Amino acid sequence: MIRELSPAEVQEQMNQKETFVLNVIAAWCPDCMVRQQPHFPGFAQKMETAGIPVYQCCVQTEKLIFISDEHQSLTDAFGGHGYPRTVLIANGVMVDSRVEVMDALALSMLADEFLQQVL
């Protein structure tokens, strides 16, 4: 199971100059909850095998309504609306942000791209 982080926990990871992947999702989003969800554990496993942890943050439970101002700020900081958004953070800095990568092949290719950027 992929660990859920709050916006404050994401910021703490960044402040500590950590390298990780954050999957920003919305609970109402079928691309997040139906299309990507079955394939995302394979992506996470590939990243974690290389030593890069993968986390998730749900920013909306209702369309266009953020859970909190912090959830909206996090979304804005990583590129705004568009879910699922998969963000690579290296040494505390966002280096890549992709929207709507959902199927197994595309996620595997994204993992390869992310790993090339940090390894």
PDB file of N, CA and C in Angstrom:
ATOM      1  N   MET A   1       0.844  -1.188   0.000  1.00  0.00           N
ATOM      2  CA  MET A   1       0.000   0.000   0.000  1.00  0.00           C
ATOM      3  C   MET A   1       0.887   1.249   0.000  1.00  0.00           C
ATOM      4  N   ILE A   2       0.503   2.213  -0.783  1.00  0.00           N
ATOM      5  CA  ILE A   2       1.271   3.445  -0.908  1.00  0.00           C
ATOM      6  C   ILE A   2       0.857   4.399   0.201  1.00  0.00           C
ATOM      7  N   ARG A   3       1.859   4.900   0.909  1.00  0.00           N
ATOM      8  CA  ARG A   3       1.600   5.760   2.057  1.00  0.00           C
ATOM      9  C   ARG A   3       1.062   7.121   1.631  1.00  0.00           C
ATOM     10  N   GLU A   4       0.029   7.565   2.308  1.00  0.00           N
ATOM     11  CA  GLU A   4      -0.584   8.874   2.071  1.00  0.00           C
ATOM     12  C   GLU A   4       0.143   9.915   2.919  1.00  0.00           C
ATOM     13  N   LEU A   5       0.526  11.021   2.279  1.00  0.00           N
ATOM     14  CA  LEU A   5       1.153  12.130   2.997  1.00  0.00           C
ATOM     15  C   LEU A   5       0.233  13.337   2.992  1.00  0.00           C
ATOM     16  N   SER A   6       0.275  14.097   4.066  1.00  0.00           N
ATOM     17  CA  SER A   6      -0.416  15.386   4.109  1.00  0.00           C
ATOM     18  C   SER A   6       0.474  16.421   3.433  1.00  0.00           C
ATOM     19  N   PRO A   7      -0.081  17.563   3.049  1.00  0.00           N
ATOM     20  CA  PRO A   7       0.766  18.617   2.485  1.00  0.00           C
ATOM     21  C   PRO A   7       1.918  19.006   3.418  1.00  0.00           C
ATOM     22  N   ALA A   8       1.672  19.035   4.717  1.00  0.00           N
ATOM     23  CA  ALA A   8       2.736  19.370   5.676  1.00  0.00           C
ATOM     24  C   ALA A   8       3.840  18.312   5.648  1.00  0.00           C
ATOM     25  N   GLU A   9       3.468  17.044   5.516  1.00  0.00           N
ATOM     26  CA  GLU A   9       4.474  15.981   5.451  1.00  0.00           C
ATOM     27  C   GLU A   9       5.269  16.053   4.150  1.00  0.00           C
ATOM     28  N   VAL A  10       4.607  16.426   3.058  1.00  0.00           N
ATOM     29  CA  VAL A  10       5.322  16.609   1.790  1.00  0.00           C
ATOM     30  C   VAL A  10       6.351  17.720   1.950  1.00  0.00           C
ATOM     31  N   GLN A  11       5.930  18.835   2.542  1.00  0.00           N
ATOM     32  CA  GLN A  11       6.843  19.965   2.742  1.00  0.00           C
ATOM     33  C   GLN A  11       8.005  19.569   3.641  1.00  0.00           C
ATOM     34  N   GLU A  12       7.738  18.787   4.657  1.00  0.00           N
ATOM     35  CA  GLU A  12       8.800  18.337   5.564  1.00  0.00           C
ATOM     36  C   GLU A  12       9.819  17.480   4.811  1.00  0.00           C
ATOM     37  N   GLN A  13       9.334  16.581   3.966  1.00  0.00           N
ATOM     38  CA  GLN A  13      10.233  15.750   3.154  1.00  0.00           C
ATOM     39  C   GLN A  13      11.104  16.639   2.257  1.00  0.00           C
ATOM     40  N   MET A  14      10.486  17.654   1.677  1.00  0.00           N
ATOM     41  CA  MET A  14      11.226  18.566   0.808  1.00  0.00           C
ATOM     42  C   MET A  14      12.242  19.382   1.604  1.00  0.00           C
ATOM     43  N   ASN A  15      11.839  19.843   2.780  1.00  0.00           N
ATOM     44  CA  ASN A  15      12.754  20.612   3.640  1.00  0.00           C
ATOM     45  C   ASN A  15      13.960  19.789   4.054  1.00  0.00           C
ATOM     46  N   GLN A  16      13.764  18.476   4.172  1.00  0.00           N
ATOM     47  CA  GLN A  16      14.860  17.578   4.544  1.00  0.00           C
ATOM     48  C   GLN A  16      15.680  17.144   3.326  1.00  0.00           C
ATOM     49  N   LYS A  17      15.386  17.754   2.167  1.00  0.00           N
ATOM     50  CA  LYS A  17      16.131  17.492   0.921  1.00  0.00           C
ATOM     51  C   LYS A  17      16.024  16.036   0.483  1.00  0.00           C
ATOM     52  N   GLU A  18      14.862  15.436   0.726  1.00  0.00           N
ATOM     53  CA  GLU A  18      14.627  14.043   0.347  1.00  0.00           C
ATOM     54  C   GLU A  18      14.353  13.929  -1.156  1.00  0.00           C
ATOM     55  N   THR A  19      14.584  12.741  -1.691  1.00  0.00           N
ATOM     56  CA  THR A  19      14.229  12.398  -3.063  1.00  0.00           C
ATOM     57  C   THR A  19      13.096  11.390  -2.989  1.00  0.00           C
ATOM     58  N   PHE A  20      11.988  11.703  -3.674  1.00  0.00           N
ATOM     59  CA  PHE A  20      10.808  10.835  -3.629  1.00  0.00           C
ATOM     60  C   PHE A  20       9.873  11.186  -4.779  1.00  0.00           C
ATOM     61  N   VAL A  21       8.859  10.355  -4.955  1.00  0.00           N
ATOM     62  CA  VAL A  21       7.807  10.598  -5.938  1.00  0.00           C
ATOM     63  C   VAL A  21       6.513  10.812  -5.177  1.00  0.00           C
ATOM     64  N   LEU A  22       5.743  11.808  -5.623  1.00  0.00           N
ATOM     65  CA  LEU A  22       4.433  12.080  -5.043  1.00  0.00           C
ATOM     66  C   LEU A  22       3.380  11.958  -6.132  1.00  0.00           C
ATOM     67  N   ASN A  23       2.381  11.134  -5.886  1.00  0.00           N
ATOM     68  CA  ASN A  23       1.253  10.983  -6.794  1.00  0.00           C
ATOM     69  C   ASN A  23       0.108  11.812  -6.223  1.00  0.00           C
ATOM     70  N   VAL A  24      -0.226  12.900  -6.907  1.00  0.00           N
ATOM     71  CA  VAL A  24      -1.293  13.803  -6.468  1.00  0.00           C
ATOM     72  C   VAL A  24      -2.576  13.365  -7.163  1.00  0.00           C
ATOM     73  N   ILE A  25      -3.583  13.032  -6.354  1.00  0.00           N
ATOM     74  CA  ILE A  25      -4.833  12.500  -6.892  1.00  0.00           C
ATOM     75  C   ILE A  25      -6.031  13.245  -6.318  1.00  0.00           C
ATOM     76  N   ALA A  26      -7.185  13.002  -6.931  1.00  0.00           N
ATOM     77  CA  ALA A  26      -8.465  13.492  -6.437  1.00  0.00           C
ATOM     78  C   ALA A  26      -9.402  12.287  -6.318  1.00  0.00           C
ATOM     79  N   ALA A  27     -10.107  12.206  -5.204  1.00  0.00           N
ATOM     80  CA  ALA A  27     -10.966  11.042  -4.950  1.00  0.00           C
ATOM     81  C   ALA A  27     -12.100  10.908  -5.964  1.00  0.00           C
ATOM     82  N   TRP A  28     -12.524  12.011  -6.562  1.00  0.00           N
ATOM     83  CA  TRP A  28     -13.623  11.985  -7.535  1.00  0.00           C
ATOM     84  C   TRP A  28     -13.157  11.624  -8.951  1.00  0.00           C
ATOM     85  N   CYS A  29     -11.863  11.565  -9.161  1.00  0.00           N
ATOM     86  CA  CYS A  29     -11.271  11.452 -10.498  1.00  0.00           C
ATOM     87  C   CYS A  29     -11.200   9.999 -10.971  1.00  0.00           C
ATOM     88  N   PRO A  30     -11.956   9.626 -12.026  1.00  0.00           N
ATOM     89  CA  PRO A  30     -11.891   8.245 -12.503  1.00  0.00           C
ATOM     90  C   PRO A  30     -10.518   7.885 -13.076  1.00  0.00           C
ATOM     91  N   ASP A  31      -9.800   8.861 -13.624  1.00  0.00           N
ATOM     92  CA  ASP A  31      -8.450   8.565 -14.107  1.00  0.00           C
ATOM     93  C   ASP A  31      -7.550   8.136 -12.954  1.00  0.00           C
ATOM     94  N   CYS A  32      -7.745   8.747 -11.792  1.00  0.00           N
ATOM     95  CA  CYS A  32      -6.949   8.414 -10.605  1.00  0.00           C
ATOM     96  C   CYS A  32      -7.391   7.095  -9.972  1.00  0.00           C
ATOM     97  N   MET A  33      -8.691   6.996  -9.750  1.00  0.00           N
ATOM     98  CA  MET A  33      -9.227   5.931  -8.911  1.00  0.00           C
ATOM     99  C   MET A  33      -9.556   4.641  -9.675  1.00  0.00           C
ATOM    100  N   VAL A  34      -9.732   4.729 -10.984  1.00  0.00           N
ATOM    101  CA  VAL A  34     -10.096   3.547 -11.764  1.00  0.00           C
ATOM    102  C   VAL A  34      -8.991   3.189 -12.754  1.00  0.00           C
ATOM    103  N   ARG A  35      -8.589   4.147 -13.565  1.00  0.00           N
ATOM    104  CA  ARG A  35      -7.656   3.839 -14.657  1.00  0.00           C
ATOM    105  C   ARG A  35      -6.218   3.646 -14.180  1.00  0.00           C
ATOM    106  N   GLN A  36      -5.718   4.545 -13.314  1.00  0.00           N
ATOM    107  CA  GLN A  36      -4.316   4.439 -12.893  1.00  0.00           C
ATOM    108  C   GLN A  36      -4.125   3.483 -11.711  1.00  0.00           C
ATOM    109  N   GLN A  37      -5.043   3.480 -10.794  1.00  0.00           N
ATOM    110  CA  GLN A  37      -4.876   2.761  -9.526  1.00  0.00           C
ATOM    111  C   GLN A  37      -4.415   1.305  -9.662  1.00  0.00           C
ATOM    112  N   PRO A  38      -4.956   0.503 -10.579  1.00  0.00           N
ATOM    113  CA  PRO A  38      -4.507  -0.888 -10.661  1.00  0.00           C
ATOM    114  C   PRO A  38      -3.042  -1.032 -11.094  1.00  0.00           C
ATOM    115  N   HIS A  39      -2.525  -0.046 -11.807  1.00  0.00           N
ATOM    116  CA  HIS A  39      -1.176  -0.129 -12.364  1.00  0.00           C
ATOM    117  C   HIS A  39      -0.131   0.587 -11.507  1.00  0.00           C
ATOM    118  N   PHE A  40      -0.575   1.443 -10.597  1.00  0.00           N
ATOM    119  CA  PHE A  40       0.374   2.279  -9.862  1.00  0.00           C
ATOM    120  C   PHE A  40       1.278   1.490  -8.910  1.00  0.00           C
ATOM    121  N   PRO A  41       0.816   0.416  -8.283  1.00  0.00           N
ATOM    122  CA  PRO A  41       1.731  -0.344  -7.417  1.00  0.00           C
ATOM    123  C   PRO A  41       2.969  -0.860  -8.160  1.00  0.00           C
ATOM    124  N   GLY A  42       2.839  -1.230  -9.426  1.00  0.00           N
ATOM    125  CA  GLY A  42       4.002  -1.673 -10.203  1.00  0.00           C
ATOM    126  C   GLY A  42       5.003  -0.551 -10.391  1.00  0.00           C
ATOM    127  N   PHE A  43       4.505   0.658 -10.665  1.00  0.00           N
ATOM    128  CA  PHE A  43       5.360   1.835 -10.773  1.00  0.00           C
ATOM    129  C   PHE A  43       6.079   2.079  -9.440  1.00  0.00           C
ATOM    130  N   ALA A  44       5.304   2.048  -8.349  1.00  0.00           N
ATOM    131  CA  ALA A  44       5.877   2.294  -7.022  1.00  0.00           C
ATOM    132  C   ALA A  44       6.947   1.252  -6.692  1.00  0.00           C
ATOM    133  N   GLN A  45       6.688  -0.001  -7.020  1.00  0.00           N
ATOM    134  CA  GLN A  45       7.660  -1.069  -6.751  1.00  0.00           C
ATOM    135  C   GLN A  45       8.956  -0.826  -7.507  1.00  0.00           C
ATOM    136  N   LYS A  46       8.844  -0.428  -8.763  1.00  0.00           N
ATOM    137  CA  LYS A  46      10.023  -0.164  -9.585  1.00  0.00           C
ATOM    138  C   LYS A  46      10.845   0.982  -8.987  1.00  0.00           C
ATOM    139  N   MET A  47      10.173   2.030  -8.554  1.00  0.00           N
ATOM    140  CA  MET A  47      10.871   3.175  -7.955  1.00  0.00           C
ATOM    141  C   MET A  47      11.505   2.781  -6.613  1.00  0.00           C
ATOM    142  N   GLU A  48      10.737   2.087  -5.788  1.00  0.00           N
ATOM    143  CA  GLU A  48      11.220   1.738  -4.455  1.00  0.00           C
ATOM    144  C   GLU A  48      12.361   0.732  -4.510  1.00  0.00           C
ATOM    145  N   THR A  49      12.364  -0.143  -5.514  1.00  0.00           N
ATOM    146  CA  THR A  49      13.475  -1.073  -5.699  1.00  0.00           C
ATOM    147  C   THR A  49      14.770  -0.302  -5.952  1.00  0.00           C
ATOM    148  N   ALA A  50      14.657   0.854  -6.599  1.00  0.00           N
ATOM    149  CA  ALA A  50      15.822   1.710  -6.867  1.00  0.00           C
ATOM    150  C   ALA A  50      16.107   2.675  -5.709  1.00  0.00           C
ATOM    151  N   GLY A  51      15.350   2.538  -4.621  1.00  0.00           N
ATOM    152  CA  GLY A  51      15.605   3.365  -3.445  1.00  0.00           C
ATOM    153  C   GLY A  51      14.864   4.685  -3.406  1.00  0.00           C
ATOM    154  N   ILE A  52      13.862   4.865  -4.272  1.00  0.00           N
ATOM    155  CA  ILE A  52      13.087   6.108  -4.312  1.00  0.00           C
ATOM    156  C   ILE A  52      11.686   5.823  -3.764  1.00  0.00           C
ATOM    157  N   PRO A  53      11.353   6.349  -2.580  1.00  0.00           N
ATOM    158  CA  PRO A  53      10.017   6.100  -2.040  1.00  0.00           C
ATOM    159  C   PRO A  53       8.936   6.809  -2.847  1.00  0.00           C
ATOM    160  N   VAL A  54       7.750   6.234  -2.828  1.00  0.00           N
ATOM    161  CA  VAL A  54       6.596   6.782  -3.547  1.00  0.00           C
ATOM    162  C   VAL A  54       5.472   7.006  -2.538  1.00  0.00           C
ATOM    163  N   TYR A  55       4.903   8.203  -2.586  1.00  0.00           N
ATOM    164  CA  TYR A  55       3.812   8.584  -1.694  1.00  0.00           C
ATOM    165  C   TYR A  55       2.640   9.081  -2.522  1.00  0.00           C
ATOM    166  N   GLN A  56       1.527   9.265  -1.841  1.00  0.00           N
ATOM    167  CA  GLN A  56       0.335   9.761  -2.499  1.00  0.00           C
ATOM    168  C   GLN A  56      -0.273  10.866  -1.644  1.00  0.00           C
ATOM    169  N   CYS A  57      -0.926  11.835  -2.290  1.00  0.00           N
ATOM    170  CA  CYS A  57      -1.657  12.872  -1.578  1.00  0.00           C
ATOM    171  C   CYS A  57      -2.954  13.135  -2.328  1.00  0.00           C
ATOM    172  N   CYS A  58      -4.072  12.889  -1.666  1.00  0.00           N
ATOM    173  CA  CYS A  58      -5.387  13.178  -2.233  1.00  0.00           C
ATOM    174  C   CYS A  58      -5.726  14.627  -1.874  1.00  0.00           C
ATOM    175  N   VAL A  59      -5.950  15.455  -2.886  1.00  0.00           N
ATOM    176  CA  VAL A  59      -6.151  16.888  -2.648  1.00  0.00           C
ATOM    177  C   VAL A  59      -7.611  17.322  -2.731  1.00  0.00           C
ATOM    178  N   GLN A  60      -8.464  16.508  -3.333  1.00  0.00           N
ATOM    179  CA  GLN A  60      -9.889  16.847  -3.444  1.00  0.00           C
ATOM    180  C   GLN A  60     -10.728  15.590  -3.257  1.00  0.00           C
ATOM    181  N   THR A  61     -11.822  15.731  -2.512  1.00  0.00           N
ATOM    182  CA  THR A  61     -12.793  14.641  -2.451  1.00  0.00           C
ATOM    183  C   THR A  61     -13.996  14.970  -3.321  1.00  0.00           C
ATOM    184  N   GLU A  62     -14.238  16.275  -3.542  1.00  0.00           N
ATOM    185  CA  GLU A  62     -15.283  16.739  -4.443  1.00  0.00           C
ATOM    186  C   GLU A  62     -14.634  17.577  -5.533  1.00  0.00           C
ATOM    187  N   LYS A  63     -15.135  17.460  -6.747  1.00  0.00           N
ATOM    188  CA  LYS A  63     -14.545  18.163  -7.889  1.00  0.00           C
ATOM    189  C   LYS A  63     -14.487  19.672  -7.626  1.00  0.00           C
ATOM    190  N   LEU A  64     -13.295  20.222  -7.841  1.00  0.00           N
ATOM    191  CA  LEU A  64     -12.996  21.649  -7.722  1.00  0.00           C
ATOM    192  C   LEU A  64     -13.019  22.191  -6.294  1.00  0.00           C
ATOM    193  N   ILE A  65     -13.166  21.314  -5.304  1.00  0.00           N
ATOM    194  CA  ILE A  65     -13.162  21.755  -3.907  1.00  0.00           C
ATOM    195  C   ILE A  65     -11.986  21.087  -3.200  1.00  0.00           C
ATOM    196  N   PHE A  66     -10.975  21.897  -2.850  1.00  0.00           N
ATOM    197  CA  PHE A  66      -9.801  21.353  -2.184  1.00  0.00           C
ATOM    198  C   PHE A  66     -10.121  21.011  -0.739  1.00  0.00           C
ATOM    199  N   ILE A  67      -9.449  19.998  -0.234  1.00  0.00           N
ATOM    200  CA  ILE A  67      -9.637  19.567   1.151  1.00  0.00           C
ATOM    201  C   ILE A  67      -9.278  20.705   2.104  1.00  0.00           C
ATOM    202  N   SER A  68      -8.236  21.457   1.773  1.00  0.00           N
ATOM    203  CA  SER A  68      -7.814  22.596   2.591  1.00  0.00           C
ATOM    204  C   SER A  68      -7.007  23.558   1.728  1.00  0.00           C
ATOM    205  N   ASP A  69      -6.702  24.723   2.266  1.00  0.00           N
ATOM    206  CA  ASP A  69      -5.840  25.685   1.565  1.00  0.00           C
ATOM    207  C   ASP A  69      -4.466  25.075   1.308  1.00  0.00           C
ATOM    208  N   GLU A  70      -3.985  24.252   2.243  1.00  0.00           N
ATOM    209  CA  GLU A  70      -2.681  23.601   2.082  1.00  0.00           C
ATOM    210  C   GLU A  70      -2.693  22.634   0.898  1.00  0.00           C
ATOM    211  N   HIS A  71      -3.799  21.917   0.729  1.00  0.00           N
ATOM    212  CA  HIS A  71      -3.919  21.003  -0.415  1.00  0.00           C
ATOM    213  C   HIS A  71      -3.929  21.784  -1.727  1.00  0.00           C
ATOM    214  N   GLN A  72      -4.576  22.950  -1.734  1.00  0.00           N
ATOM    215  CA  GLN A  72      -4.583  23.771  -2.940  1.00  0.00           C
ATOM    216  C   GLN A  72      -3.187  24.327  -3.217  1.00  0.00           C
ATOM    217  N   SER A  73      -2.495  24.784  -2.192  1.00  0.00           N
ATOM    218  CA  SER A  73      -1.136  25.311  -2.367  1.00  0.00           C
ATOM    219  C   SER A  73      -0.197  24.238  -2.908  1.00  0.00           C
ATOM    220  N   LEU A  74      -0.321  23.018  -2.389  1.00  0.00           N
ATOM    221  CA  LEU A  74       0.498  21.906  -2.873  1.00  0.00           C
ATOM    222  C   LEU A  74       0.229  21.655  -4.356  1.00  0.00           C
ATOM    223  N   THR A  75      -1.045  21.615  -4.727  1.00  0.00           N
ATOM    224  CA  THR A  75      -1.420  21.396  -6.123  1.00  0.00           C
ATOM    225  C   THR A  75      -0.849  22.497  -7.008  1.00  0.00           C
ATOM    226  N   ASP A  76      -1.005  23.744  -6.584  1.00  0.00           N
ATOM    227  CA  ASP A  76      -0.489  24.870  -7.361  1.00  0.00           C
ATOM    228  C   ASP A  76       1.027  24.800  -7.506  1.00  0.00           C
ATOM    229  N   ALA A  77       1.715  24.424  -6.442  1.00  0.00           N
ATOM    230  CA  ALA A  77       3.179  24.359  -6.461  1.00  0.00           C
ATOM    231  C   ALA A  77       3.688  23.309  -7.445  1.00  0.00           C
ATOM    232  N   PHE A  78       2.900  22.252  -7.663  1.00  0.00           N
ATOM    233  CA  PHE A  78       3.329  21.174  -8.546  1.00  0.00           C
ATOM    234  C   PHE A  78       2.727  21.250  -9.943  1.00  0.00           C
ATOM    235  N   GLY A  79       2.101  22.366 -10.286  1.00  0.00           N
ATOM    236  CA  GLY A  79       1.635  22.556 -11.659  1.00  0.00           C
ATOM    237  C   GLY A  79       0.148  22.791 -11.819  1.00  0.00           C
ATOM    238  N   GLY A  80      -0.609  22.812 -10.739  1.00  0.00           N
ATOM    239  CA  GLY A  80      -2.035  23.107 -10.836  1.00  0.00           C
ATOM    240  C   GLY A  80      -2.890  21.890 -11.093  1.00  0.00           C
ATOM    241  N   HIS A  81      -4.107  22.173 -11.560  1.00  0.00           N
ATOM    242  CA  HIS A  81      -5.087  21.110 -11.807  1.00  0.00           C
ATOM    243  C   HIS A  81      -4.572  20.125 -12.846  1.00  0.00           C
ATOM    244  N   GLY A  82      -5.092  18.943 -12.782  1.00  0.00           N
ATOM    245  CA  GLY A  82      -4.717  17.852 -13.672  1.00  0.00           C
ATOM    246  C   GLY A  82      -4.352  16.657 -12.832  1.00  0.00           C
ATOM    247  N   TYR A  83      -5.201  15.639 -12.877  1.00  0.00           N
ATOM    248  CA  TYR A  83      -5.008  14.458 -12.041  1.00  0.00           C
ATOM    249  C   TYR A  83      -5.166  13.205 -12.896  1.00  0.00           C
ATOM    250  N   PRO A  84      -4.471  12.177 -12.572  1.00  0.00           N
ATOM    251  CA  PRO A  84      -3.416  12.088 -11.559  1.00  0.00           C
ATOM    252  C   PRO A  84      -2.148  12.810 -12.028  1.00  0.00           C
ATOM    253  N   ARG A  85      -1.478  13.438 -11.092  1.00  0.00           N
ATOM    254  CA  ARG A  85      -0.218  14.129 -11.363  1.00  0.00           C
ATOM    255  C   ARG A  85       0.874  13.392 -10.593  1.00  0.00           C
ATOM    256  N   THR A  86       1.897  12.965 -11.307  1.00  0.00           N
ATOM    257  CA  THR A  86       3.007  12.238 -10.701  1.00  0.00           C
ATOM    258  C   THR A  86       4.224  13.146 -10.728  1.00  0.00           C
ATOM    259  N   VAL A  87       4.754  13.432  -9.533  1.00  0.00           N
ATOM    260  CA  VAL A  87       5.787  14.445  -9.361  1.00  0.00           C
ATOM    261  C   VAL A  87       7.065  13.800  -8.834  1.00  0.00           C
ATOM    262  N   LEU A  88       8.177  14.110  -9.478  1.00  0.00           N
ATOM    263  CA  LEU A  88       9.486  13.668  -9.005  1.00  0.00           C
ATOM    264  C   LEU A  88      10.137  14.812  -8.256  1.00  0.00           C
ATOM    265  N   ILE A  89      10.508  14.560  -7.018  1.00  0.00           N
ATOM    266  CA  ILE A  89      11.211  15.533  -6.192  1.00  0.00           C
ATOM    267  C   ILE A  89      12.581  14.952  -5.886  1.00  0.00           C
ATOM    268  N   ALA A  90      13.624  15.676  -6.270  1.00  0.00           N
ATOM    269  CA  ALA A  90      15.005  15.229  -6.042  1.00  0.00           C
ATOM    270  C   ALA A  90      15.703  16.229  -5.149  1.00  0.00           C
ATOM    271  N   ASN A  91      16.231  15.728  -4.045  1.00  0.00           N
ATOM    272  CA  ASN A  91      16.933  16.571  -3.074  1.00  0.00           C
ATOM    273  C   ASN A  91      16.083  17.770  -2.667  1.00  0.00           C
ATOM    274  N   GLY A  92      14.780  17.525  -2.498  1.00  0.00           N
ATOM    275  CA  GLY A  92      13.866  18.549  -2.013  1.00  0.00           C
ATOM    276  C   GLY A  92      13.327  19.500  -3.060  1.00  0.00           C
ATOM    277  N   VAL A  93      13.652  19.286  -4.335  1.00  0.00           N
ATOM    278  CA  VAL A  93      13.229  20.196  -5.403  1.00  0.00           C
ATOM    279  C   VAL A  93      12.453  19.420  -6.467  1.00  0.00           C
ATOM    280  N   MET A  94      11.313  19.971  -6.900  1.00  0.00           N
ATOM    281  CA  MET A  94      10.556  19.334  -7.967  1.00  0.00           C
ATOM    282  C   MET A  94      11.366  19.405  -9.256  1.00  0.00           C
ATOM    283  N   VAL A  95      11.597  18.244  -9.871  1.00  0.00           N
ATOM    284  CA  VAL A  95      12.354  18.216 -11.127  1.00  0.00           C
ATOM    285  C   VAL A  95      11.505  17.744 -12.309  1.00  0.00           C
ATOM    286  N   ASP A  96      10.352  17.138 -12.045  1.00  0.00           N
ATOM    287  CA  ASP A  96       9.487  16.679 -13.126  1.00  0.00           C
ATOM    288  C   ASP A  96       8.070  16.516 -12.584  1.00  0.00           C
ATOM    289  N   SER A  97       7.096  16.782 -13.448  1.00  0.00           N
ATOM    290  CA  SER A  97       5.695  16.658 -13.067  1.00  0.00           C
ATOM    291  C   SER A  97       4.915  16.233 -14.302  1.00  0.00           C
ATOM    292  N   ARG A  98       4.235  15.096 -14.218  1.00  0.00           N
ATOM    293  CA  ARG A  98       3.485  14.545 -15.357  1.00  0.00           C
ATOM    294  C   ARG A  98       2.034  14.341 -14.961  1.00  0.00           C
ATOM    295  N   VAL A  99       1.147  14.595 -15.921  1.00  0.00           N
ATOM    296  CA  VAL A  99      -0.283  14.438 -15.683  1.00  0.00           C
ATOM    297  C   VAL A  99      -0.821  13.314 -16.555  1.00  0.00           C
ATOM    298  N   GLU A 100      -1.726  12.533 -15.968  1.00  0.00           N
ATOM    299  CA  GLU A 100      -2.495  11.516 -16.672  1.00  0.00           C
ATOM    300  C   GLU A 100      -1.674  10.398 -17.288  1.00  0.00           C
ATOM    301  N   VAL A 101      -0.613   9.990 -16.620  1.00  0.00           N
ATOM    302  CA  VAL A 101       0.094   8.764 -17.011  1.00  0.00           C
ATOM    303  C   VAL A 101      -0.599   7.644 -16.249  1.00  0.00           C
ATOM    304  N   MET A 102      -1.294   6.748 -16.992  1.00  0.00           N
ATOM    305  CA  MET A 102      -2.198   5.843 -16.295  1.00  0.00           C
ATOM    306  C   MET A 102      -1.996   4.367 -16.538  1.00  0.00           C
ATOM    307  N   ASP A 103      -1.589   3.958 -17.739  1.00  0.00           N
ATOM    308  CA  ASP A 103      -1.540   2.511 -17.972  1.00  0.00           C
ATOM    309  C   ASP A 103      -0.179   1.939 -17.562  1.00  0.00           C
ATOM    310  N   ALA A 104      -0.102   0.641 -17.495  1.00  0.00           N
ATOM    311  CA  ALA A 104       1.094  -0.035 -16.978  1.00  0.00           C
ATOM    312  C   ALA A 104       2.340   0.299 -17.789  1.00  0.00           C
ATOM    313  N   LEU A 105       2.242   0.276 -19.109  1.00  0.00           N
ATOM    314  CA  LEU A 105       3.406   0.565 -19.949  1.00  0.00           C
ATOM    315  C   LEU A 105       3.872   2.008 -19.772  1.00  0.00           C
ATOM    316  N   ALA A 106       2.945   2.947 -19.796  1.00  0.00           N
ATOM    317  CA  ALA A 106       3.311   4.358 -19.636  1.00  0.00           C
ATOM    318  C   ALA A 106       3.924   4.614 -18.262  1.00  0.00           C
ATOM    319  N   LEU A 107       3.394   3.980 -17.232  1.00  0.00           N
ATOM    320  CA  LEU A 107       3.957   4.143 -15.887  1.00  0.00           C
ATOM    321  C   LEU A 107       5.345   3.528 -15.792  1.00  0.00           C
ATOM    322  N   SER A 108       5.561   2.396 -16.434  1.00  0.00           N
ATOM    323  CA  SER A 108       6.887   1.779 -16.428  1.00  0.00           C
ATOM    324  C   SER A 108       7.895   2.679 -17.134  1.00  0.00           C
ATOM    325  N   MET A 109       7.485   3.262 -18.253  1.00  0.00           N
ATOM    326  CA  MET A 109       8.366   4.182 -18.979  1.00  0.00           C
ATOM    327  C   MET A 109       8.635   5.440 -18.147  1.00  0.00           C
ATOM    328  N   LEU A 110       7.620   5.913 -17.422  1.00  0.00           N
ATOM    329  CA  LEU A 110       7.806   7.082 -16.561  1.00  0.00           C
ATOM    330  C   LEU A 110       8.797   6.766 -15.444  1.00  0.00           C
ATOM    331  N   ALA A 111       8.687   5.585 -14.863  1.00  0.00           N
ATOM    332  CA  ALA A 111       9.637   5.182 -13.826  1.00  0.00           C
ATOM    333  C   ALA A 111      11.059   5.211 -14.379  1.00  0.00           C
ATOM    334  N   ASP A 112      11.243   4.676 -15.583  1.00  0.00           N
ATOM    335  CA  ASP A 112      12.574   4.697 -16.210  1.00  0.00           C
ATOM    336  C   ASP A 112      13.074   6.123 -16.393  1.00  0.00           C
ATOM    337  N   GLU A 113      12.209   7.008 -16.876  1.00  0.00           N
ATOM    338  CA  GLU A 113      12.591   8.415 -17.073  1.00  0.00           C
ATOM    339  C   GLU A 113      12.958   9.085 -15.748  1.00  0.00           C
ATOM    340  N   PHE A 114      12.138   8.864 -14.735  1.00  0.00           N
ATOM    341  CA  PHE A 114      12.406   9.452 -13.417  1.00  0.00           C
ATOM    342  C   PHE A 114      13.747   8.943 -12.877  1.00  0.00           C
ATOM    343  N   LEU A 115      13.972   7.642 -12.998  1.00  0.00           N
ATOM    344  CA  LEU A 115      15.205   7.070 -12.473  1.00  0.00           C
ATOM    345  C   LEU A 115      16.437   7.616 -13.195  1.00  0.00           C
ATOM    346  N   GLN A 116      16.330   7.848 -14.492  1.00  0.00           N
ATOM    347  CA  GLN A 116      17.444   8.435 -15.228  1.00  0.00           C
ATOM    348  C   GLN A 116      17.753   9.843 -14.723  1.00  0.00           C
ATOM    349  N   GLN A 117      16.757  10.545 -14.242  1.00  0.00           N
ATOM    350  CA  GLN A 117      16.959  11.911 -13.774  1.00  0.00           C
ATOM    351  C   GLN A 117      17.616  11.984 -12.393  1.00  0.00           C
ATOM    352  N   VAL A 118      17.512  10.916 -11.605  1.00  0.00           N
ATOM    353  CA  VAL A 118      18.024  10.987 -10.240  1.00  0.00           C
ATOM    354  C   VAL A 118      19.156  10.004  -9.925  1.00  0.00           C
ATOM    355  N   LEU A 119      19.369   9.022 -10.779  1.00  0.00           N
ATOM    356  CA  LEU A 119      20.425   8.045 -10.497  1.00  0.00           C
ATOM    357  C   LEU A 119      21.658   8.290 -11.344  1.00  0.00           C
TER     358      LEU A 119
END
